[in-house]
Amino acid sequence: MSVKRPDPVDVEVGHRIRIERLARGLSQTALASQLGVTFQQVQKYEKGVNRVGAGRLTKIAEVLGVPVGTFFSGKEVLASEASTVPGAASPLKLLTVSGAFRLLRAYAEIEDSNLRRSIVDLVEQISERR
């Protein structure tokens, strides 16, 4: 018997939900509370294990203050749809900054969670000095 794997589209939608949730500083529990589900359900959505229905995805978009199209791929989504939160750019647009993708890829390879936390703290301190 083969192991069932999540659909790549569900995984991508889940990753985008996570990115937008983190960009707004919401925990899985806080998002789940506003959706009327458990935080475990939000975890499953974000991993792509459970498919997000159209109605639920619409509610997630409302809670996060983004258009529903934010959760789907395509250049037109990233380029033309701005967040409905004033002054908040899509976190995916940050990847267009020179070196951002390389930095993110290297960061993801660091296994020590304390070191990762220290790096984030350092970068935040540096960015506040400008």
C-alpha atoms as a PDB file:
ATOM      1  CA  MET A   1       0.000   0.000   0.000  1.00  0.00           C
ATOM      2  CA  SER A   2       1.484   3.361  -1.002  1.00  0.00           C
ATOM      3  CA  VAL A   3       1.609   6.394   1.233  1.00  0.00           C
ATOM      4  CA  LYS A   4      -0.745   9.155   0.119  1.00  0.00           C
ATOM      5  CA  ARG A   5       1.080  12.447  -0.389  1.00  0.00           C
ATOM      6  CA  PRO A   6      -0.486  15.896  -0.242  1.00  0.00           C
ATOM      7  CA  ASP A   7      -1.335  17.521  -3.544  1.00  0.00           C
ATOM      8  CA  PRO A   8       1.374  20.073  -4.500  1.00  0.00           C
ATOM      9  CA  VAL A   9      -1.276  22.794  -4.917  1.00  0.00           C
ATOM     10  CA  ASP A  10      -2.564  22.158  -1.379  1.00  0.00           C
ATOM     11  CA  VAL A  11       1.002  22.346  -0.071  1.00  0.00           C
ATOM     12  CA  GLU A  12       1.609  25.636  -1.907  1.00  0.00           C
ATOM     13  CA  VAL A  13      -1.642  27.149  -0.622  1.00  0.00           C
ATOM     14  CA  GLY A  14      -0.706  26.014   2.891  1.00  0.00           C
ATOM     15  CA  HIS A  15       2.744  27.600   2.659  1.00  0.00           C
ATOM     16  CA  ARG A  16       1.210  30.867   1.547  1.00  0.00           C
ATOM     17  CA  ILE A  17      -1.291  30.779   4.420  1.00  0.00           C
ATOM     18  CA  ARG A  18       1.632  30.305   6.813  1.00  0.00           C
ATOM     19  CA  ILE A  19       3.635  33.150   5.252  1.00  0.00           C
ATOM     20  CA  GLU A  20       0.718  35.568   5.517  1.00  0.00           C
ATOM     21  CA  ARG A  21      -0.117  34.447   9.072  1.00  0.00           C
ATOM     22  CA  LEU A  22       3.460  34.956  10.220  1.00  0.00           C
ATOM     23  CA  ALA A  23       3.668  38.312   8.446  1.00  0.00           C
ATOM     24  CA  ARG A  24       0.785  39.495  10.598  1.00  0.00           C
ATOM     25  CA  GLY A  25       2.234  38.097  13.796  1.00  0.00           C
ATOM     26  CA  LEU A  26      -0.616  35.650  14.357  1.00  0.00           C
ATOM     27  CA  SER A  27      -0.101  32.311  16.054  1.00  0.00           C
ATOM     28  CA  GLN A  28      -1.773  29.199  14.712  1.00  0.00           C
ATOM     29  CA  THR A  29      -3.988  29.279  17.781  1.00  0.00           C
ATOM     30  CA  ALA A  30      -5.071  32.878  17.138  1.00  0.00           C
ATOM     31  CA  LEU A  31      -5.913  32.148  13.500  1.00  0.00           C
ATOM     32  CA  ALA A  32      -7.713  28.949  14.465  1.00  0.00           C
ATOM     33  CA  SER A  33      -9.791  30.808  17.042  1.00  0.00           C
ATOM     34  CA  GLN A  34     -10.950  33.326  14.447  1.00  0.00           C
ATOM     35  CA  LEU A  35     -11.799  30.507  12.032  1.00  0.00           C
ATOM     36  CA  GLY A  36     -13.590  28.361  14.599  1.00  0.00           C
ATOM     37  CA  VAL A  37     -11.222  25.402  14.194  1.00  0.00           C
ATOM     38  CA  THR A  38      -8.408  23.902  16.272  1.00  0.00           C
ATOM     39  CA  PHE A  39      -4.797  24.953  15.898  1.00  0.00           C
ATOM     40  CA  GLN A  40      -4.090  21.396  14.777  1.00  0.00           C
ATOM     41  CA  GLN A  41      -6.415  21.972  11.833  1.00  0.00           C
ATOM     42  CA  VAL A  42      -4.495  25.135  10.917  1.00  0.00           C
ATOM     43  CA  GLN A  43      -1.270  23.085  11.100  1.00  0.00           C
ATOM     44  CA  LYS A  44      -2.760  20.558   8.677  1.00  0.00           C
ATOM     45  CA  TYR A  45      -3.842  23.339   6.300  1.00  0.00           C
ATOM     46  CA  GLU A  46      -0.363  24.879   6.395  1.00  0.00           C
ATOM     47  CA  LYS A  47       1.329  21.540   5.676  1.00  0.00           C
ATOM     48  CA  GLY A  48      -1.119  20.765   2.867  1.00  0.00           C
ATOM     49  CA  VAL A  49      -2.232  17.585   4.632  1.00  0.00           C
ATOM     50  CA  ASN A  50      -5.837  18.811   4.699  1.00  0.00           C
ATOM     51  CA  ARG A  51      -7.287  20.622   1.723  1.00  0.00           C
ATOM     52  CA  VAL A  52      -8.732  24.079   2.431  1.00  0.00           C
ATOM     53  CA  GLY A  53     -12.237  24.478   1.055  1.00  0.00           C
ATOM     54  CA  ALA A  54     -13.279  27.617  -0.837  1.00  0.00           C
ATOM     55  CA  GLY A  55     -15.403  28.983   2.003  1.00  0.00           C
ATOM     56  CA  ARG A  56     -12.690  28.401   4.594  1.00  0.00           C
ATOM     57  CA  LEU A  57     -10.011  29.891   2.320  1.00  0.00           C
ATOM     58  CA  THR A  58     -12.183  32.976   1.876  1.00  0.00           C
ATOM     59  CA  LYS A  59     -12.496  33.301   5.653  1.00  0.00           C
ATOM     60  CA  ILE A  60      -8.718  32.879   6.082  1.00  0.00           C
ATOM     61  CA  ALA A  61      -8.164  35.646   3.533  1.00  0.00           C
ATOM     62  CA  GLU A  62     -10.584  37.913   5.434  1.00  0.00           C
ATOM     63  CA  VAL A  63      -8.882  37.248   8.775  1.00  0.00           C
ATOM     64  CA  LEU A  64      -5.426  37.868   7.289  1.00  0.00           C
ATOM     65  CA  GLY A  65      -6.628  40.896   5.314  1.00  0.00           C
ATOM     66  CA  VAL A  66      -5.457  39.661   1.924  1.00  0.00           C
ATOM     67  CA  PRO A  67      -7.185  38.824  -1.358  1.00  0.00           C
ATOM     68  CA  VAL A  68      -7.961  35.123  -1.836  1.00  0.00           C
ATOM     69  CA  GLY A  69      -5.698  35.125  -4.907  1.00  0.00           C
ATOM     70  CA  THR A  70      -2.712  35.639  -2.605  1.00  0.00           C
ATOM     71  CA  PHE A  71      -2.798  31.919  -1.869  1.00  0.00           C
ATOM     72  CA  PHE A  72      -2.335  30.863  -5.490  1.00  0.00           C
ATOM     73  CA  SER A  73       0.739  30.957  -7.696  1.00  0.00           C
ATOM     74  CA  GLY A  74       1.303  33.119 -10.700  1.00  0.00           C
ATOM     75  CA  LYS A  75       3.233  36.262 -11.523  1.00  0.00           C
ATOM     76  CA  GLU A  76       0.024  38.227 -11.843  1.00  0.00           C
ATOM     77  CA  VAL A  77      -0.925  37.448  -8.231  1.00  0.00           C
ATOM     78  CA  LEU A  78       2.407  38.621  -6.843  1.00  0.00           C
ATOM     79  CA  ALA A  79       2.677  41.652  -9.085  1.00  0.00           C
ATOM     80  CA  SER A  80      -0.821  43.077  -9.107  1.00  0.00           C
ATOM     81  CA  GLU A  81      -2.558  42.178  -5.871  1.00  0.00           C
ATOM     82  CA  ALA A  82      -1.572  44.399  -2.961  1.00  0.00           C
ATOM     83  CA  SER A  83      -2.455  43.568   0.613  1.00  0.00           C
ATOM     84  CA  THR A  84      -5.520  45.243   2.078  1.00  0.00           C
ATOM     85  CA  VAL A  85      -3.521  45.957   5.232  1.00  0.00           C
ATOM     86  CA  PRO A  86      -2.183  49.518   4.847  1.00  0.00           C
ATOM     87  CA  GLY A  87       1.592  49.628   4.443  1.00  0.00           C
ATOM     88  CA  ALA A  88       1.975  45.841   4.404  1.00  0.00           C
ATOM     89  CA  ALA A  89       3.642  44.340   1.341  1.00  0.00           C
ATOM     90  CA  SER A  90       3.258  40.693   0.494  1.00  0.00           C
ATOM     91  CA  PRO A  91       6.010  38.687   2.194  1.00  0.00           C
ATOM     92  CA  LEU A  92       6.539  36.898  -1.127  1.00  0.00           C
ATOM     93  CA  LYS A  93       7.573  40.204  -2.698  1.00  0.00           C
ATOM     94  CA  LEU A  94      10.413  40.375  -0.178  1.00  0.00           C
ATOM     95  CA  LEU A  95      12.037  37.492  -2.031  1.00  0.00           C
ATOM     96  CA  THR A  96      12.631  39.836  -4.969  1.00  0.00           C
ATOM     97  CA  VAL A  97      15.169  41.817  -2.903  1.00  0.00           C
ATOM     98  CA  SER A  98      18.690  41.026  -4.070  1.00  0.00           C
ATOM     99  CA  GLY A  99      20.183  38.199  -1.996  1.00  0.00           C
ATOM    100  CA  ALA A 100      16.957  37.485  -0.063  1.00  0.00           C
ATOM    101  CA  PHE A 101      16.429  34.045  -1.545  1.00  0.00           C
ATOM    102  CA  ARG A 102      20.052  33.028  -0.924  1.00  0.00           C
ATOM    103  CA  LEU A 103      19.788  34.240   2.662  1.00  0.00           C
ATOM    104  CA  LEU A 104      16.531  32.380   3.224  1.00  0.00           C
ATOM    105  CA  ARG A 105      17.878  29.176   1.714  1.00  0.00           C
ATOM    106  CA  ALA A 106      21.015  29.286   3.893  1.00  0.00           C
ATOM    107  CA  TYR A 107      18.927  30.116   6.977  1.00  0.00           C
ATOM    108  CA  ALA A 108      16.659  27.123   6.339  1.00  0.00           C
ATOM    109  CA  GLU A 109      19.686  24.807   6.372  1.00  0.00           C
ATOM    110  CA  ILE A 110      20.691  25.823   9.926  1.00  0.00           C
ATOM    111  CA  GLU A 111      19.546  23.042  12.226  1.00  0.00           C
ATOM    112  CA  ASP A 112      20.243  24.740  15.588  1.00  0.00           C
ATOM    113  CA  SER A 113      17.038  26.599  16.553  1.00  0.00           C
ATOM    114  CA  ASN A 114      18.884  28.792  19.068  1.00  0.00           C
ATOM    115  CA  LEU A 115      21.326  29.874  16.385  1.00  0.00           C
ATOM    116  CA  ARG A 116      18.453  30.627  13.979  1.00  0.00           C
ATOM    117  CA  ARG A 117      16.761  32.736  16.667  1.00  0.00           C
ATOM    118  CA  SER A 118      20.022  34.606  17.306  1.00  0.00           C
ATOM    119  CA  ILE A 119      20.433  35.329  13.609  1.00  0.00           C
ATOM    120  CA  VAL A 120      16.916  36.755  13.379  1.00  0.00           C
ATOM    121  CA  ASP A 121      17.552  38.914  16.459  1.00  0.00           C
ATOM    122  CA  LEU A 122      20.837  40.170  14.971  1.00  0.00           C
ATOM    123  CA  VAL A 123      19.306  41.024  11.602  1.00  0.00           C
ATOM    124  CA  GLU A 124      16.371  42.813  13.273  1.00  0.00           C
ATOM    125  CA  GLN A 125      18.806  44.872  15.370  1.00  0.00           C
ATOM    126  CA  ILE A 126      20.841  45.773  12.297  1.00  0.00           C
ATOM    127  CA  SER A 127      17.733  46.787  10.335  1.00  0.00           C
ATOM    128  CA  GLU A 128      16.539  49.042  13.180  1.00  0.00           C
ATOM    129  CA  ARG A 129      19.778  51.076  12.994  1.00  0.00           C
ATOM    130  CA  ARG A 130      19.078  52.458   9.548  1.00  0.00           C
END
